[in-house]
Amino acid sequence: AVRWPRIMASLVQQRHGILATGLNAAFTPAALGVVALLAPATLPVFVLANRLIGFIGMALSPLFMLFQGWVPAAVGHERVRRLRLAGIVSAAAAVLSGIACAALLPTFGYFLTHGEVVVSIGLSAAFGVLAIVQTGSPFLSAVGLMAVGQVRTVAHSTVVGVPLAIVLLAVAELAGADQLAVWGLIVGGGVIAAWQVVAIHRAIRTFAVEPRPQPEPVVAPALP
């Protein structure tokens, strides 16, 4: 039966995941809200870039879902090996995503807005770097930290990085620097990523020495 004490106990137990999920969900609306308030003329560019990065993230989501099941299925050195392999593949996918975003954003904006929105080379390059950070984030949080039992780090890093990104974005937009506004988001996301990478490396030392599970001995049935 669903009872309030049990519900509250579950919420308290999952508080770190709830906090991180809530902050990540509020990040994009908050960033677009700041842009709409302080620099409404650049809002279409930010919306288009957000949509394009979102499409790329959706395309990569099956890969991260595969790693979510494959990496934690092993223990000890094998888990570390799988985690490193998944990290290499995810990093390569994130870099390719950033290159694709930077290359496609000007064309993407031109055709969807009938030429009304023009994205400069510098701005598209900045959004490309932002795409690398944002598309690589699911691996660090949902694969890497989950696999090493560091869910709390997801919440701690998000609590610091998301407000920092919003503040830097607001300061840059107040100064009228659109490219610096994107780099403010990159700095905030980079702080989160760096924090999580350090936590994964520290936890790997523990998981690397975990004993491998020993198979149960097979006892032959006694002959009559």
Protein backbone atom coordinates (compact mmCIF):
# COMPACT_ATOMS: atom_id res chain seq x y z
CA ALA A 1 0.00 0.00 0.00
CA VAL A 2 1.15 3.54 -0.74
CA ARG A 3 1.61 5.35 2.55
CA TRP A 4 3.00 8.82 3.21
CA PRO A 5 5.83 7.64 5.50
CA ARG A 6 7.00 5.25 2.79
CA ILE A 7 6.72 7.93 0.14
CA MET A 8 8.70 10.43 2.21
CA ALA A 9 11.35 7.82 2.99
CA SER A 10 11.76 7.09 -0.72
CA LEU A 11 12.04 10.79 -1.54
CA VAL A 12 14.68 11.29 1.14
CA GLN A 13 16.62 8.28 -0.11
CA GLN A 14 16.56 9.57 -3.69
CA ARG A 15 17.08 13.25 -2.78
CA HIS A 16 20.35 13.62 -4.68
CA GLY A 17 18.89 12.31 -7.91
CA ILE A 18 15.75 14.40 -7.48
CA LEU A 19 17.79 17.55 -6.87
CA ALA A 20 20.05 16.99 -9.87
CA THR A 21 17.13 16.14 -12.15
CA GLY A 22 15.22 19.22 -11.05
CA LEU A 23 18.14 21.57 -11.59
CA ASN A 24 18.93 20.10 -15.01
CA ALA A 25 15.28 20.39 -16.03
CA ALA A 26 15.16 24.03 -14.92
CA PHE A 27 18.49 24.96 -16.52
CA THR A 28 17.35 25.43 -20.12
CA PRO A 29 14.14 27.38 -19.30
CA ALA A 30 16.11 29.58 -16.90
CA ALA A 31 18.83 30.28 -19.48
CA LEU A 32 16.30 31.11 -22.19
CA GLY A 33 14.39 33.27 -19.72
CA VAL A 34 17.52 35.28 -18.94
CA VAL A 35 18.21 35.77 -22.65
CA ALA A 36 14.60 36.77 -23.33
CA LEU A 37 14.74 39.33 -20.52
CA LEU A 38 18.18 40.84 -21.11
CA ALA A 39 18.80 40.31 -24.85
CA PRO A 40 15.54 39.44 -26.62
CA ALA A 41 17.07 40.04 -30.05
CA THR A 42 19.36 37.03 -29.62
CA LEU A 43 16.68 34.70 -28.25
CA PRO A 44 15.94 33.03 -31.63
CA VAL A 45 19.58 32.01 -32.00
CA PHE A 46 19.64 30.47 -28.52
CA VAL A 47 16.38 28.65 -29.14
CA LEU A 48 17.59 27.24 -32.46
CA ALA A 49 20.89 26.12 -30.93
CA ASN A 50 19.07 24.52 -28.00
CA ARG A 51 16.80 22.61 -30.39
CA LEU A 52 19.70 21.40 -32.51
CA ILE A 53 21.70 20.27 -29.47
CA GLY A 54 18.55 18.56 -28.18
CA PHE A 55 18.13 16.65 -31.45
CA ILE A 56 21.76 15.52 -31.30
CA GLY A 57 21.31 14.44 -27.69
CA MET A 58 18.24 12.40 -28.63
CA ALA A 59 20.22 10.67 -31.37
CA LEU A 60 22.94 9.72 -28.86
CA SER A 61 20.58 8.62 -26.07
CA PRO A 62 20.42 4.94 -27.19
CA LEU A 63 24.20 4.77 -26.90
CA PHE A 64 24.16 6.06 -23.32
CA MET A 65 21.28 3.73 -22.44
CA LEU A 66 23.35 0.82 -23.73
CA PHE A 67 26.29 1.87 -21.56
CA GLN A 68 24.00 2.26 -18.53
CA GLY A 69 23.33 -1.46 -18.58
CA TRP A 70 26.65 -2.72 -19.92
CA VAL A 71 29.10 -0.93 -17.61
CA PRO A 72 27.56 -1.76 -14.18
CA ALA A 73 27.02 -5.39 -15.21
CA ALA A 74 30.72 -6.08 -14.53
CA VAL A 75 32.80 -5.75 -11.37
CA GLY A 76 36.38 -4.96 -10.44
CA HIS A 77 38.87 -4.53 -13.27
CA GLU A 78 36.31 -5.50 -15.89
CA ARG A 79 34.00 -2.67 -14.79
CA VAL A 80 36.90 -0.22 -14.99
CA ARG A 81 37.75 -1.50 -18.50
CA ARG A 82 34.17 -1.10 -19.66
CA LEU A 83 33.92 2.33 -18.08
CA ARG A 84 37.04 3.55 -19.86
CA LEU A 85 35.92 2.10 -23.19
CA ALA A 86 32.50 3.68 -22.82
CA GLY A 87 34.17 6.96 -21.89
CA ILE A 88 36.33 6.96 -25.02
CA VAL A 89 33.35 6.22 -27.26
CA SER A 90 31.20 8.84 -25.51
CA ALA A 91 33.93 11.49 -25.73
CA ALA A 92 34.38 10.81 -29.44
CA ALA A 93 30.62 11.01 -29.98
CA ALA A 94 30.45 14.29 -28.04
CA VAL A 95 33.27 15.85 -30.09
CA LEU A 96 31.63 14.78 -33.35
CA SER A 97 28.35 16.20 -32.08
CA GLY A 98 30.00 19.54 -31.37
CA ILE A 99 31.55 19.66 -34.83
CA ALA A 100 28.19 18.80 -36.40
CA CYS A 101 26.42 21.46 -34.34
CA ALA A 102 28.92 24.17 -35.26
CA ALA A 103 28.76 23.23 -38.94
CA LEU A 104 24.98 22.83 -39.21
CA LEU A 105 23.72 25.65 -36.98
CA PRO A 106 24.07 28.47 -39.58
CA THR A 107 22.28 26.39 -42.24
CA PHE A 108 19.78 25.10 -39.68
CA GLY A 109 18.88 28.62 -38.67
CA TYR A 110 18.76 29.96 -42.22
CA PHE A 111 16.30 27.40 -43.56
CA LEU A 112 14.05 27.24 -40.49
CA THR A 113 13.71 31.03 -40.29
CA HIS A 114 13.78 31.75 -44.05
CA GLY A 115 16.99 33.71 -43.67
CA GLU A 116 15.78 35.95 -40.84
CA VAL A 117 18.22 34.52 -38.28
CA VAL A 118 21.91 34.69 -39.17
CA VAL A 119 24.38 32.86 -36.95
CA SER A 120 27.96 34.11 -37.08
CA ILE A 121 30.94 31.78 -37.27
CA GLY A 122 32.12 32.71 -33.78
CA LEU A 123 28.69 32.12 -32.27
CA SER A 124 28.22 28.79 -34.04
CA ALA A 125 31.68 27.68 -32.84
CA ALA A 126 30.75 28.60 -29.27
CA PHE A 127 27.54 26.62 -29.52
CA GLY A 128 29.56 23.72 -30.92
CA VAL A 129 31.71 23.68 -27.78
CA LEU A 130 28.55 23.90 -25.68
CA ALA A 131 27.18 20.89 -27.58
CA ILE A 132 30.30 18.89 -26.65
CA VAL A 133 29.78 19.68 -22.98
CA GLN A 134 26.05 18.99 -22.96
CA THR A 135 26.07 15.82 -25.07
CA GLY A 136 28.90 14.35 -23.00
CA SER A 137 27.19 15.13 -19.71
CA PRO A 138 24.81 12.11 -19.74
CA PHE A 139 27.76 9.72 -19.82
CA LEU A 140 29.40 11.30 -16.78
CA SER A 141 26.23 11.45 -14.69
CA ALA A 142 24.08 8.53 -15.86
CA VAL A 143 26.85 6.07 -16.71
CA GLY A 144 30.14 6.94 -15.00
CA LEU A 145 29.00 8.17 -11.60
CA MET A 146 26.18 5.65 -11.40
CA ALA A 147 28.58 2.82 -12.12
CA VAL A 148 30.91 3.83 -9.30
CA GLY A 149 28.18 4.63 -6.79
CA GLN A 150 28.70 8.40 -6.71
CA VAL A 151 25.13 9.62 -7.25
CA ARG A 152 25.65 12.31 -4.62
CA THR A 153 28.35 13.90 -6.78
CA VAL A 154 25.80 14.51 -9.53
CA ALA A 155 23.75 16.67 -7.17
CA HIS A 156 26.72 18.49 -5.64
CA SER A 157 28.29 19.41 -8.98
CA THR A 158 24.94 20.46 -10.44
CA VAL A 159 24.17 22.71 -7.47
CA VAL A 160 27.41 24.60 -8.16
CA GLY A 161 27.57 24.51 -11.96
CA VAL A 162 24.01 25.42 -12.94
CA PRO A 163 23.76 28.66 -10.91
CA LEU A 164 27.27 29.61 -12.04
CA ALA A 165 26.29 29.19 -15.68
CA ILE A 166 23.15 31.28 -15.26
CA VAL A 167 25.03 34.08 -13.48
CA LEU A 168 27.78 34.20 -16.12
CA LEU A 169 25.14 34.18 -18.86
CA ALA A 170 23.33 37.11 -17.26
CA VAL A 171 26.51 39.14 -16.78
CA ALA A 172 27.57 38.60 -20.38
CA GLU A 173 24.14 39.54 -21.75
CA LEU A 174 24.11 42.68 -19.63
CA ALA A 175 27.43 43.57 -21.25
CA GLY A 176 25.98 42.88 -24.70
CA ALA A 177 28.43 40.06 -25.43
CA ASP A 178 26.46 37.21 -27.02
CA GLN A 179 29.46 34.94 -27.58
CA LEU A 180 30.63 35.43 -24.01
CA ALA A 181 27.13 34.51 -22.87
CA VAL A 182 27.48 31.12 -24.56
CA TRP A 183 30.93 30.71 -23.05
CA GLY A 184 29.39 31.41 -19.66
CA LEU A 185 27.17 28.38 -20.16
CA ILE A 186 30.23 26.42 -21.24
CA VAL A 187 32.13 27.39 -18.09
CA GLY A 188 29.25 26.30 -15.88
CA GLY A 189 28.93 22.99 -17.70
CA GLY A 190 32.69 22.56 -17.66
CA VAL A 191 32.78 22.95 -13.89
CA ILE A 192 30.18 20.20 -13.57
CA ALA A 193 32.05 17.94 -15.99
CA ALA A 194 35.44 18.47 -14.32
CA TRP A 195 33.98 17.81 -10.87
CA GLN A 196 32.39 14.59 -12.07
CA VAL A 197 35.49 13.38 -13.93
CA VAL A 198 37.59 13.81 -10.78
CA ALA A 199 35.01 11.89 -8.75
CA ILE A 200 34.99 9.04 -11.26
CA HIS A 201 38.79 8.78 -11.26
CA ARG A 202 38.87 8.66 -7.47
CA ALA A 203 36.18 5.99 -7.30
CA ILE A 204 37.86 3.87 -9.97
CA ARG A 205 40.70 3.14 -7.54
CA THR A 206 38.22 1.39 -5.25
CA PHE A 207 36.42 -0.53 -7.96
CA ALA A 208 39.69 -1.63 -9.53
CA VAL A 209 40.54 -3.68 -6.47
CA GLU A 210 37.13 -5.33 -6.05
CA PRO A 211 37.40 -9.11 -6.13
CA ARG A 212 35.94 -10.86 -9.11
CA PRO A 213 32.87 -12.96 -8.37
CA GLN A 214 33.80 -16.62 -8.05
CA PRO A 215 31.52 -19.15 -9.71
CA GLU A 216 29.82 -21.60 -7.43
CA PRO A 217 31.49 -25.01 -7.45
CA VAL A 218 29.70 -27.64 -9.47
CA VAL A 219 29.18 -30.79 -7.47
CA ALA A 220 28.72 -33.93 -9.49
CA PRO A 221 25.84 -36.10 -8.36
CA ALA A 222 26.86 -39.19 -6.49
CA LEU A 223 26.75 -42.36 -8.52
CA PRO A 224 24.37 -45.02 -7.26
